[in-house]
Amino acid sequence: MSASHPLPAAAAPPAYDHAAEAARLAYPDVVVEGRRLNRATATVAVAGPAEDEAARALREAWARGIFPTTQAADAPVIPLGWPTHGPFVATPRGVTFDAYLGVAQKILDERHPRFEAMLEALAQAGVLLRREILTDDFLAPDPGRTVKTPADLAALWAGAVGERWAAPGGWKCFFSSSGAESVEAAIKICYQVAYKRFLARHGPAVLARVQAELGVRRAPYLDADPSLSDHPAYESYPFFLVGCEGAFHGRTLGALALTWSKRAQRLGYPKPETVHHIPYNAPGDPLGERLDPRPLAEILAVPGELARVVREARRIPRDLLAGVVAEPFQGEGGYWPGEPAFFRRLRHGCDETGALLVVDEVQSVGRTGRLFMTEHLGVRPDVLCTAKSMVIGVTIAAGELARHLHTGWHSNTWGSGRVFDTNFAYATLDAFLHHRDPTFGGLSYAQNVEVKGARLAAGLERLMAKHPQVLVGQRGRGLMRAILVRRRADLIRTAWARGLKLLGCGWDAEVSAVRVLFLADTLTREVDEFLRVLDETLSAMR
């Protein structure tokens, strides 16, 4: 049976001659210390066991100096200093295929000509290792304009988002180091906007009344700070966020308050009472069901009613909703594409209450046949978060929201001050948007993702018919897919023994999900090579 996720029918991918692509393949060998690899000719072939004494010794060495994280005890050992080209990795035991790309960290081949030009420009300008502190300084461009600044990167992002959605004041960026930090900045934007709008609409006296009803005290130490003295300081503030069950937004404590995916991620960590979760892709109106529709004045007119609504009924007064945060394509929760109807209801709820709709595209950016998965869902976001394949954490928000953000609302040591990372990020986004690789006969990278995604989906359907005992379904969009399998742990071990690197997502159950990711510049032969090795793996599990 097929467990494909229900999605609206996508536009047919462009007509494409896959055989003609093979004739256009022309890549120089990648050579590292005499070892060669070429994605135009590489095939997956390994010799010797996937596990040996050296691998066990290396894991033990890691354990002596590094705290445990998410690595399994038998996770693959991947050598550095060997050639990589496309998804292929040369290792001491042969050529392997990386089908999860550092959990979505890569979107283009490391040997892309835009990256090589970027490295040359930085070296020529003498800034390859430059560090700046962009929370205290402004960084002027170099006279030759070959080295990009954060302002250049922000303009590129703002232009790309503005082509997709209009926003008052255009779009502005906040840069950070990771996806979790990009979500942290989005959370803070939601809270600041909610707070400032609340004061403008209701005034400080009503805020004091709300705080008294909820038992929130003033903060005398902070009240002594002369800055922002027209804002009384409280120990907490009564603004709410709504996330989704199955969500993963990161493990820093702010993002973790919204993460609701696996027990191990939550165990032992407190959750603020101002964060609620609703079922992902649920029918009906799960957001509306969490809201108390009455005006705040009506709730406050009844002594004790606000506390009862918030703490006993576990509902959110509509005037106190700050934001809704959702993944258009849930990642760690099991690779679930969002349903347009669900996201339209979220958009409607935000429009009705004045809350902000935040979309977390940290894993999905560039992988579904569009720059953003949100484009498939037919809604306009207020804030977008991305990172991973786009190199740095980027929080992109409607420009008019900046008037609610006072100096010092957020900051970080890095602030996109690593010149290399800023230029790597610029080259990545610019190439994805504008580069036309002759290999693909004029297709953009987004179109290539559509074309190769259709070939991948068709190949997986054939394997499902051939191996129904193990491979029972697939879901996804473009080149971001989940294969649904029985005996997931056995499949992943067997695949790695044959040189195919896979990683699960979602809960371990009788049928579980394995994520499958490809580069935006994926070749037809790479899709076919993946399917060949997966076929051999499934055959070995009978």
Protein backbone atom coordinates (compact mmCIF):
# COMPACT_ATOMS: atom_id res chain seq x y z
CA MET A 1 0.00 0.00 0.00
CA SER A 2 1.07 3.60 -0.46
CA ALA A 3 1.04 5.85 2.59
CA SER A 4 1.68 8.97 0.54
CA HIS A 5 0.67 12.11 2.38
CA PRO A 6 -2.41 13.88 0.97
CA LEU A 7 -1.33 17.10 -0.71
CA PRO A 8 -2.89 19.19 -3.44
CA ALA A 9 -1.74 18.10 -6.86
CA ALA A 10 1.51 19.81 -7.73
CA ALA A 11 2.02 21.37 -11.12
CA ALA A 12 3.59 18.89 -13.50
CA PRO A 13 7.38 19.23 -13.47
CA PRO A 14 8.94 20.61 -16.63
CA ALA A 15 9.42 18.13 -19.47
CA TYR A 16 12.93 16.83 -19.22
CA ASP A 17 15.14 14.49 -21.22
CA HIS A 18 17.03 12.51 -18.57
CA ALA A 19 19.08 10.64 -21.17
CA ALA A 20 20.30 13.91 -22.67
CA GLU A 21 21.59 15.00 -19.27
CA ALA A 22 24.02 12.10 -19.25
CA ALA A 23 25.64 13.45 -22.42
CA ARG A 24 26.16 16.85 -20.78
CA LEU A 25 27.98 15.56 -17.69
CA ALA A 26 31.46 17.04 -17.50
CA TYR A 27 33.16 17.40 -14.12
CA PRO A 28 36.85 17.40 -13.29
CA ASP A 29 37.95 14.75 -10.82
CA VAL A 30 38.07 15.77 -7.18
CA VAL A 31 41.52 14.79 -5.95
CA VAL A 32 42.57 14.69 -2.29
CA GLU A 33 46.05 13.32 -1.54
CA GLY A 34 46.00 11.24 -4.70
CA ARG A 35 42.50 9.83 -4.12
CA ARG A 36 40.01 10.59 -6.92
CA LEU A 37 36.22 10.89 -7.10
CA ASN A 38 33.89 12.13 -9.83
CA ARG A 39 30.12 12.33 -9.43
CA ALA A 40 29.64 11.81 -13.17
CA THR A 41 31.03 8.27 -12.90
CA ALA A 42 30.99 7.30 -9.20
CA THR A 43 29.03 4.27 -8.05
CA VAL A 44 28.44 3.06 -4.54
CA ALA A 45 30.76 0.16 -3.81
CA VAL A 46 32.23 -0.80 -0.45
CA ALA A 47 34.44 -3.62 0.74
CA GLY A 48 34.98 -4.80 4.26
CA PRO A 49 32.76 -4.46 7.32
CA ALA A 50 30.96 -1.22 8.19
CA GLU A 51 32.12 -1.73 11.79
CA ASP A 52 35.63 -2.53 12.95
CA GLU A 53 37.91 -2.04 15.93
CA ALA A 54 39.12 1.36 14.72
CA ALA A 55 35.53 2.65 14.56
CA ARG A 56 34.80 1.43 18.06
CA ALA A 57 37.98 3.04 19.36
CA LEU A 58 37.08 6.35 17.74
CA ARG A 59 33.63 6.37 19.36
CA GLU A 60 35.23 5.66 22.73
CA ALA A 61 37.62 8.58 22.23
CA TRP A 62 34.69 10.89 21.47
CA ALA A 63 32.86 9.72 24.58
CA ARG A 64 35.84 10.57 26.77
CA GLY A 65 35.76 14.24 25.80
CA ILE A 66 32.30 15.12 24.46
CA PHE A 67 28.94 15.07 26.21
CA PRO A 68 26.39 12.66 24.68
CA THR A 69 24.02 14.18 22.16
CA THR A 70 21.83 12.39 19.60
CA GLN A 71 24.32 9.97 18.06
CA ALA A 72 23.40 6.32 18.26
CA ALA A 73 25.98 3.94 19.67
CA ASP A 74 26.51 2.44 16.19
CA ALA A 75 26.30 5.68 14.18
CA PRO A 76 28.50 5.74 11.05
CA VAL A 77 32.13 6.79 11.36
CA ILE A 78 32.87 9.20 8.50
CA PRO A 79 36.49 10.06 7.67
CA LEU A 80 37.60 13.62 7.03
CA GLY A 81 40.22 14.41 4.40
CA TRP A 82 38.80 12.09 1.73
CA PRO A 83 37.12 13.27 -1.49
CA THR A 84 33.45 14.18 -1.61
CA HIS A 85 31.60 15.04 -4.81
CA GLY A 86 27.84 15.56 -4.92
CA PRO A 87 26.32 12.99 -2.55
CA PHE A 88 29.25 10.59 -2.98
CA VAL A 89 31.88 10.21 -0.27
CA ALA A 90 35.13 8.31 -0.69
CA THR A 91 36.04 6.36 2.45
CA PRO A 92 38.74 3.81 3.28
CA ARG A 93 36.26 1.02 2.54
CA GLY A 94 34.96 2.43 -0.74
CA VAL A 95 32.45 4.95 -2.11
CA THR A 96 29.32 5.67 -0.07
CA PHE A 97 26.17 7.74 -0.73
CA ASP A 98 25.01 10.40 1.74
CA ALA A 99 21.19 10.48 1.66
CA TYR A 100 20.66 12.88 4.54
CA LEU A 101 23.32 15.54 3.82
CA GLY A 102 24.30 16.34 7.38
CA VAL A 103 20.58 16.57 8.25
CA ALA A 104 19.84 19.08 5.49
CA GLN A 105 23.00 21.17 5.86
CA LYS A 106 23.95 20.92 2.19
CA ILE A 107 21.94 22.19 -0.77
CA LEU A 108 24.61 22.43 -3.52
CA ASP A 109 27.73 20.43 -4.28
CA GLU A 110 30.74 21.63 -2.28
CA ARG A 111 32.64 22.03 -5.58
CA HIS A 112 30.11 24.46 -7.05
CA PRO A 113 31.84 27.17 -9.15
CA ARG A 114 30.13 29.93 -7.14
CA PHE A 115 31.80 28.62 -3.98
CA GLU A 116 35.20 28.46 -5.64
CA ALA A 117 34.82 32.05 -6.85
CA MET A 118 33.75 33.15 -3.37
CA LEU A 119 36.81 31.59 -1.75
CA GLU A 120 39.10 33.23 -4.30
CA ALA A 121 37.51 36.65 -3.70
CA LEU A 122 37.90 36.38 0.08
CA ALA A 123 41.50 35.26 -0.23
CA GLN A 124 42.34 38.09 -2.63
CA ALA A 125 40.75 40.64 -0.27
CA GLY A 126 42.61 39.19 2.73
CA VAL A 127 39.42 38.59 4.73
CA LEU A 128 39.02 34.81 4.56
CA LEU A 129 39.34 34.51 8.36
CA ARG A 130 38.05 37.98 9.33
CA ARG A 131 35.77 38.30 12.37
CA GLU A 132 33.71 41.38 13.21
CA ILE A 133 31.21 42.29 15.93
CA LEU A 134 28.20 43.55 14.07
CA THR A 135 26.11 44.25 17.13
CA ASP A 136 28.29 47.30 17.85
CA ASP A 137 29.71 48.27 14.46
CA PHE A 138 28.60 48.75 10.88
CA LEU A 139 30.65 46.96 8.24
CA ALA A 140 31.44 48.89 5.07
CA PRO A 141 31.84 47.01 1.78
CA ASP A 142 35.25 46.54 0.22
CA PRO A 143 36.02 48.97 -2.62
CA GLY A 144 35.89 46.24 -5.26
CA ARG A 145 32.46 45.02 -4.09
CA THR A 146 33.62 41.42 -4.42
CA VAL A 147 33.23 40.66 -0.71
CA LYS A 148 29.64 40.63 0.53
CA THR A 149 28.51 42.24 3.78
CA PRO A 150 25.51 41.31 5.93
CA ALA A 151 23.66 44.22 4.32
CA ASP A 152 24.20 42.59 0.91
CA LEU A 153 22.94 39.26 2.22
CA ALA A 154 19.91 40.92 3.83
CA ALA A 155 19.06 42.67 0.56
CA LEU A 156 19.26 39.37 -1.34
CA TRP A 157 16.97 37.65 1.15
CA ALA A 158 14.55 40.59 1.28
CA GLY A 159 14.31 40.64 -2.50
CA ALA A 160 13.67 36.90 -2.70
CA VAL A 161 10.95 36.97 -0.04
CA GLY A 162 9.45 40.17 -1.46
CA GLU A 163 9.02 38.52 -4.86
CA ARG A 164 6.85 35.92 -3.15
CA TRP A 165 4.91 37.98 -0.61
CA ALA A 166 4.33 41.70 -0.29
CA ALA A 167 4.80 43.14 3.19
CA PRO A 168 4.46 46.67 4.62
CA GLY A 169 7.94 48.12 4.76
CA GLY A 170 9.40 45.21 2.80
CA TRP A 171 11.34 42.55 4.69
CA LYS A 172 14.19 42.78 7.18
CA CYS A 173 16.63 40.15 8.48
CA PHE A 174 18.24 39.16 11.75
CA PHE A 175 21.29 36.90 11.43
CA SER A 176 22.46 34.30 13.93
CA SER A 177 24.41 31.05 14.06
CA SER A 178 21.80 28.30 13.82
CA GLY A 179 18.23 27.32 13.18
CA ALA A 180 17.38 27.28 16.87
CA GLU A 181 18.67 30.84 17.17
CA SER A 182 16.67 31.93 14.14
CA VAL A 183 13.57 30.62 15.93
CA GLU A 184 14.62 32.36 19.16
CA ALA A 185 14.69 35.68 17.31
CA ALA A 186 11.26 34.97 15.82
CA ILE A 187 9.84 34.21 19.27
CA LYS A 188 11.21 37.49 20.60
CA ILE A 189 9.73 39.41 17.66
CA CYS A 190 6.33 37.89 18.43
CA TYR A 191 6.55 38.84 22.10
CA GLN A 192 7.83 42.36 21.47
CA VAL A 193 5.19 43.09 18.86
CA ALA A 194 2.43 41.71 21.08
CA TYR A 195 3.65 43.75 24.06
CA LYS A 196 3.96 47.05 22.18
CA ARG A 197 0.64 46.59 20.39
CA PHE A 198 -1.05 45.72 23.66
CA LEU A 199 0.19 48.93 25.27
CA ALA A 200 -0.92 50.96 22.25
CA ARG A 201 -4.39 49.41 22.32
CA HIS A 202 -5.08 48.96 26.04
CA GLY A 203 -2.54 51.09 27.89
CA PRO A 204 -0.26 50.34 30.86
CA ALA A 205 -3.11 50.40 33.40
CA VAL A 206 -4.83 47.45 31.74
CA LEU A 207 -1.50 45.59 31.57
CA ALA A 208 -1.10 46.19 35.32
CA ARG A 209 -4.61 44.79 35.85
CA VAL A 210 -3.82 41.68 33.80
CA GLN A 211 -0.58 41.16 35.73
CA ALA A 212 -2.37 41.50 39.06
CA GLU A 213 -5.06 39.01 37.99
CA LEU A 214 -2.36 36.50 37.04
CA GLY A 215 -0.22 37.15 40.13
CA VAL A 216 2.78 38.53 38.18
CA ARG A 217 4.90 40.85 40.32
CA ARG A 218 6.91 43.92 39.45
CA ALA A 219 10.71 43.57 39.19
CA PRO A 220 12.18 46.27 41.48
CA TYR A 221 15.78 45.69 40.43
CA LEU A 222 14.96 46.23 36.76
CA ASP A 223 12.73 49.19 37.61
CA ALA A 224 15.87 50.94 38.87
CA ASP A 225 17.41 50.78 35.37
CA PRO A 226 16.98 54.29 33.89
CA SER A 227 16.70 53.03 30.29
CA LEU A 228 13.18 52.54 28.87
CA SER A 229 11.86 54.05 32.10
CA ASP A 230 8.38 54.55 30.61
CA HIS A 231 7.96 50.74 30.61
CA PRO A 232 7.38 49.30 34.11
CA ALA A 233 9.33 46.07 34.54
CA TYR A 234 7.52 42.84 35.46
CA GLU A 235 8.91 39.41 36.31
CA SER A 236 7.04 37.95 33.31
CA TYR A 237 4.57 38.95 30.62
CA PRO A 238 1.21 37.41 29.68
CA PHE A 239 1.65 36.77 25.95
CA PHE A 240 1.03 33.37 24.40
CA LEU A 241 2.49 31.29 21.59
CA VAL A 242 0.93 28.29 19.86
CA GLY A 243 3.02 25.52 18.31
CA CYS A 244 2.20 22.14 16.82
CA GLU A 245 2.41 18.59 18.10
CA GLY A 246 5.29 16.82 16.40
CA ALA A 247 7.19 20.10 16.00
CA PHE A 248 10.94 20.48 16.23
CA HIS A 249 12.30 24.03 16.42
CA GLY A 250 15.57 23.47 18.26
CA ARG A 251 16.92 22.63 21.69
CA THR A 252 17.70 26.05 23.16
CA LEU A 253 15.14 26.66 25.88
CA GLY A 254 13.06 29.24 24.01
CA ALA A 255 12.82 27.10 20.87
CA LEU A 256 12.45 24.00 23.04
CA ALA A 257 9.27 25.44 24.54
CA LEU A 258 7.76 25.00 21.06
CA THR A 259 9.49 21.69 20.25
CA TRP A 260 7.00 18.88 20.89
CA SER A 261 8.37 15.94 18.97
CA LYS A 262 10.05 13.31 21.15
CA ARG A 263 10.13 12.47 24.84
CA ALA A 264 13.94 12.67 24.98
CA GLN A 265 13.87 16.30 23.84
CA ARG A 266 11.46 17.37 26.59
CA LEU A 267 12.33 15.16 29.58
CA GLY A 268 13.20 17.26 32.64
CA TYR A 269 12.72 20.69 31.01
CA PRO A 270 9.95 23.02 32.22
CA LYS A 271 7.47 24.40 29.74
CA PRO A 272 6.03 27.92 30.13
CA GLU A 273 2.28 28.00 30.71
CA THR A 274 2.07 30.60 27.95
CA VAL A 275 2.96 28.03 25.23
CA HIS A 276 0.22 25.79 23.84
CA HIS A 277 0.32 23.01 21.24
CA ILE A 278 -2.30 21.94 18.72
CA PRO A 279 -2.37 18.84 16.46
CA TYR A 280 -0.47 19.32 13.19
CA ASN A 281 -2.62 19.24 10.04
CA ALA A 282 -5.72 18.72 12.18
CA PRO A 283 -9.14 19.23 10.57
CA GLY A 284 -11.54 21.80 11.94
CA ASP A 285 -10.12 24.85 13.68
CA PRO A 286 -7.73 23.70 16.43
CA LEU A 287 -6.31 27.20 16.88
CA GLY A 288 -9.76 28.78 17.23
CA GLU A 289 -10.72 26.13 19.79
CA ARG A 290 -7.82 27.27 22.00
CA LEU A 291 -8.88 30.91 21.97
CA ASP A 292 -11.34 32.63 24.27
CA PRO A 293 -13.15 34.90 21.81
CA ARG A 294 -14.33 37.49 24.35
CA PRO A 295 -12.76 40.97 24.43
CA LEU A 296 -10.25 41.33 27.24
CA ALA A 297 -12.38 43.96 28.99
CA GLU A 298 -15.23 41.46 29.26
CA ILE A 299 -12.95 38.85 30.82
CA LEU A 300 -11.46 41.34 33.27
CA ALA A 301 -14.95 42.48 34.31
CA VAL A 302 -15.35 39.19 36.23
CA PRO A 303 -12.93 38.91 39.18
CA GLY A 304 -10.70 35.85 38.81
CA GLU A 305 -11.99 35.05 35.32
CA LEU A 306 -8.68 35.70 33.55
CA ALA A 307 -6.81 33.27 35.80
CA ARG A 308 -9.59 30.69 35.36
CA VAL A 309 -9.44 31.01 31.55
CA VAL A 310 -5.65 30.74 31.44
CA ARG A 311 -4.98 28.15 34.13
CA GLU A 312 -8.10 26.03 34.49
CA ALA A 313 -9.70 26.14 31.05
CA ARG A 314 -6.24 26.28 29.39
CA ARG A 315 -7.47 28.77 26.82
CA ILE A 316 -5.85 31.90 25.43
CA PRO A 317 -7.58 35.29 25.55
CA ARG A 318 -7.53 36.44 21.94
CA ASP A 319 -5.94 39.78 22.90
CA LEU A 320 -2.95 37.93 24.41
CA LEU A 321 -2.01 35.68 21.48
CA ALA A 322 1.43 36.75 20.25
CA GLY A 323 2.18 34.22 17.54
CA VAL A 324 1.68 30.83 15.93
CA VAL A 325 4.83 28.91 14.99
CA ALA A 326 4.67 25.97 12.57
CA GLU A 327 6.85 24.01 10.18
CA PRO A 328 5.41 24.00 6.64
CA PHE A 329 7.13 20.60 6.37
CA GLN A 330 7.62 18.91 9.73
CA GLY A 331 11.13 17.53 9.93
CA GLU A 332 12.14 15.63 13.05
CA GLY A 333 8.48 14.84 13.73
CA GLY A 334 8.42 12.44 10.77
CA TYR A 335 8.70 14.39 7.49
CA TRP A 336 5.06 15.44 7.25
CA PRO A 337 4.20 18.03 4.57
CA GLY A 338 1.81 20.69 5.77
CA GLU A 339 -1.75 20.76 4.45
CA PRO A 340 -2.86 24.03 2.84
CA ALA A 341 -6.25 24.02 4.60
CA PHE A 342 -4.58 23.77 8.02
CA PHE A 343 -2.22 26.64 7.27
CA ARG A 344 -5.04 28.77 5.87
CA ARG A 345 -6.85 28.38 9.19
CA LEU A 346 -3.70 29.39 11.06
CA ARG A 347 -3.38 32.46 8.81
CA HIS A 348 -7.02 33.37 9.42
CA GLY A 349 -6.61 33.01 13.18
CA CYS A 350 -3.57 35.29 13.15
CA ASP A 351 -5.38 37.87 11.03
CA GLU A 352 -8.34 37.82 13.42
CA THR A 353 -6.23 38.30 16.54
CA GLY A 354 -3.28 40.35 15.29
CA ALA A 355 -0.85 37.54 16.11
CA LEU A 356 2.12 36.75 13.86
CA LEU A 357 2.37 33.61 11.74
CA VAL A 358 5.92 32.24 11.95
CA VAL A 359 7.04 29.52 9.52
CA ASP A 360 10.10 27.42 10.34
CA GLU A 361 11.81 26.52 7.06
CA VAL A 362 15.12 25.48 8.63
CA GLN A 363 15.11 22.03 6.98
CA SER A 364 12.78 22.62 4.03
CA VAL A 365 14.27 25.70 2.37
CA GLY A 366 15.16 24.97 -1.26
CA ARG A 367 14.09 21.30 -1.19
CA THR A 368 10.48 21.11 -2.38
CA GLY A 369 10.58 22.66 -5.85
CA ARG A 370 10.27 26.20 -4.49
CA LEU A 371 12.55 28.34 -2.37
CA PHE A 372 10.08 27.90 0.51
CA MET A 373 7.69 25.06 1.24
CA THR A 374 5.26 27.77 2.41
CA GLU A 375 4.78 28.76 -1.23
CA HIS A 376 2.96 25.47 -1.83
CA LEU A 377 0.52 26.19 1.00
CA GLY A 378 -1.00 29.41 -0.28
CA VAL A 379 -0.45 31.53 2.84
CA ARG A 380 1.57 34.65 3.62
CA PRO A 381 3.89 34.39 6.63
CA ASP A 382 4.79 37.31 8.89
CA VAL A 383 8.13 35.81 9.93
CA LEU A 384 10.29 33.13 8.28
CA CYS A 385 13.13 31.20 9.91
CA THR A 386 15.83 29.31 8.08
CA ALA A 387 19.39 28.04 8.50
CA LYS A 388 21.10 24.69 7.77
CA SER A 389 21.66 24.62 3.99
CA MET A 390 21.57 28.43 3.93
CA VAL A 391 24.68 28.38 6.14
CA ILE A 392 23.63 30.82 8.86
CA GLY A 393 20.50 31.39 10.90
CA VAL A 394 18.21 33.91 9.23
CA THR A 395 15.05 35.39 10.73
CA ILE A 396 13.15 37.33 8.07
CA ALA A 397 10.22 39.48 9.16
CA ALA A 398 7.93 42.13 7.70
CA GLY A 399 9.80 45.42 7.82
CA GLU A 400 7.00 47.33 9.52
CA LEU A 401 7.49 45.21 12.64
CA ALA A 402 10.86 46.90 13.23
CA ARG A 403 9.11 49.89 14.81
CA HIS A 404 8.15 47.66 17.73
CA LEU A 405 11.75 46.52 18.37
CA HIS A 406 13.66 48.81 20.72
CA THR A 407 17.46 48.99 20.73
CA GLY A 408 18.75 45.96 22.57
CA TRP A 409 15.66 43.81 21.99
CA HIS A 410 18.03 41.09 20.74
CA SER A 411 21.70 40.65 19.98
CA ASN A 412 24.41 38.04 19.69
CA THR A 413 28.18 37.95 19.65
CA TRP A 414 28.36 36.76 16.07
CA GLY A 415 25.59 38.74 14.39
CA SER A 416 26.82 37.54 10.97
CA GLY A 417 30.26 38.97 11.66
CA ARG A 418 32.09 35.92 10.30
CA VAL A 419 32.91 37.21 6.84
CA PHE A 420 33.41 33.72 5.42
CA ASP A 421 29.99 32.49 6.56
CA THR A 422 28.23 35.62 5.29
CA ASN A 423 29.80 35.18 1.85
CA PHE A 424 29.15 31.43 1.83
CA ALA A 425 25.51 32.14 2.64
CA TYR A 426 25.27 34.80 -0.09
CA ALA A 427 26.85 32.50 -2.69
CA THR A 428 24.48 29.67 -1.73
CA LEU A 429 21.27 31.69 -1.98
CA ASP A 430 22.38 33.61 -5.07
CA ALA A 431 23.33 30.38 -6.85
CA PHE A 432 20.07 28.68 -5.94
CA LEU A 433 18.06 31.63 -7.22
CA HIS A 434 20.02 32.68 -10.27
CA HIS A 435 22.63 30.14 -11.42
CA ARG A 436 21.82 28.14 -14.53
CA ASP A 437 23.89 24.99 -14.62
CA PRO A 438 24.43 23.83 -18.23
CA THR A 439 24.14 20.25 -16.97
CA PHE A 440 20.39 20.76 -16.59
CA GLY A 441 19.64 22.23 -19.98
CA GLY A 442 18.37 25.58 -18.72
CA LEU A 443 16.39 24.41 -15.68
CA SER A 444 16.66 26.44 -12.51
CA TYR A 445 17.67 24.57 -9.41
CA ALA A 446 14.10 24.72 -8.12
CA GLN A 447 12.89 23.15 -11.37
CA ASN A 448 15.62 20.53 -11.15
CA VAL A 449 14.33 19.63 -7.69
CA GLU A 450 10.85 19.15 -9.18
CA VAL A 451 12.11 17.01 -12.06
CA LYS A 452 14.39 14.82 -9.97
CA GLY A 453 11.79 14.63 -7.20
CA ALA A 454 9.27 13.19 -9.66
CA ARG A 455 11.82 10.59 -10.78
CA LEU A 456 12.60 9.70 -7.16
CA ALA A 457 8.91 9.34 -6.26
CA ALA A 458 8.25 7.10 -9.26
CA GLY A 459 11.27 4.94 -8.41
CA LEU A 460 10.12 4.58 -4.81
CA GLU A 461 6.67 3.49 -5.99
CA ARG A 462 8.32 0.71 -8.02
CA LEU A 463 10.34 -0.40 -5.00
CA MET A 464 7.21 -0.40 -2.83
CA ALA A 465 5.58 -2.81 -5.26
CA LYS A 466 8.70 -4.99 -5.28
CA HIS A 467 9.37 -4.97 -1.51
CA PRO A 468 5.98 -4.56 0.22
CA GLN A 469 7.16 -6.42 3.32
CA VAL A 470 9.56 -3.58 4.23
CA LEU A 471 8.86 -0.47 2.13
CA VAL A 472 5.22 0.43 2.70
CA GLY A 473 4.89 4.10 1.71
CA GLN A 474 6.39 7.48 1.02
CA ARG A 475 5.46 11.12 1.54
CA GLY A 476 7.03 14.45 0.80
CA ARG A 477 7.59 16.97 -1.94
CA GLY A 478 10.40 17.47 -4.41
CA LEU A 479 13.65 16.03 -3.09
CA MET A 480 12.58 16.08 0.57
CA ARG A 481 10.87 12.77 1.22
CA ALA A 482 10.18 10.18 3.87
CA ILE A 483 10.16 6.50 3.06
CA LEU A 484 7.93 4.53 5.42
CA VAL A 485 9.41 1.22 6.42
CA ARG A 486 9.12 -1.72 8.75
CA ARG A 487 12.19 -2.73 10.81
CA ARG A 488 13.71 0.73 10.48
CA ALA A 489 16.81 0.03 12.59
CA ASP A 490 17.59 -3.08 10.53
CA LEU A 491 17.11 -1.14 7.29
CA ILE A 492 19.47 1.65 8.35
CA ARG A 493 22.17 -0.82 9.46
CA THR A 494 21.83 -2.92 6.31
CA ALA A 495 21.95 0.17 4.10
CA TRP A 496 25.11 1.50 5.74
CA ALA A 497 26.79 -1.89 5.32
CA ARG A 498 26.16 -1.41 1.58
CA GLY A 499 27.37 2.19 1.54
CA LEU A 500 24.05 4.05 1.80
CA LYS A 501 23.83 6.50 4.70
CA LEU A 502 20.26 6.94 6.00
CA LEU A 503 18.70 8.53 9.08
CA GLY A 504 15.31 8.05 10.66
CA CYS A 505 12.86 10.71 11.83
CA GLY A 506 9.74 10.57 13.96
CA TRP A 507 8.86 7.86 16.45
CA ASP A 508 10.11 4.30 16.18
CA ALA A 509 7.02 2.19 15.53
CA GLU A 510 5.84 -0.80 13.54
CA VAL A 511 6.02 1.49 10.49
CA SER A 512 8.57 4.30 10.83
CA ALA A 513 9.92 7.10 8.66
CA VAL A 514 13.39 7.41 7.15
CA ARG A 515 14.31 10.82 5.74
CA VAL A 516 15.72 11.08 2.21
CA LEU A 517 17.39 14.29 1.04
CA PHE A 518 19.19 15.23 -2.16
CA LEU A 519 21.07 18.28 -3.38
CA ALA A 520 19.32 20.90 -5.51
CA ASP A 521 21.89 20.14 -8.23
CA THR A 522 21.18 16.41 -8.10
CA LEU A 523 21.93 14.43 -11.24
CA THR A 524 19.59 11.86 -12.74
CA ARG A 525 22.27 9.21 -12.28
CA GLU A 526 22.46 10.03 -8.57
CA VAL A 527 18.72 9.43 -8.10
CA ASP A 528 19.09 6.16 -9.99
CA GLU A 529 22.15 5.13 -7.98
CA PHE A 530 20.29 5.77 -4.73
CA LEU A 531 17.37 3.64 -5.92
CA ARG A 532 19.74 0.85 -7.00
CA VAL A 533 21.44 0.62 -3.61
CA LEU A 534 18.12 0.93 -1.76
CA ASP A 535 16.77 -1.92 -3.88
CA GLU A 536 19.76 -4.09 -2.93
CA THR A 537 19.29 -3.17 0.73
CA LEU A 538 15.61 -4.11 0.69
CA SER A 539 16.39 -7.38 -1.07
CA ALA A 540 18.95 -8.23 1.60
CA MET A 541 16.29 -7.79 4.30
CA ARG A 542 13.87 -10.39 2.99
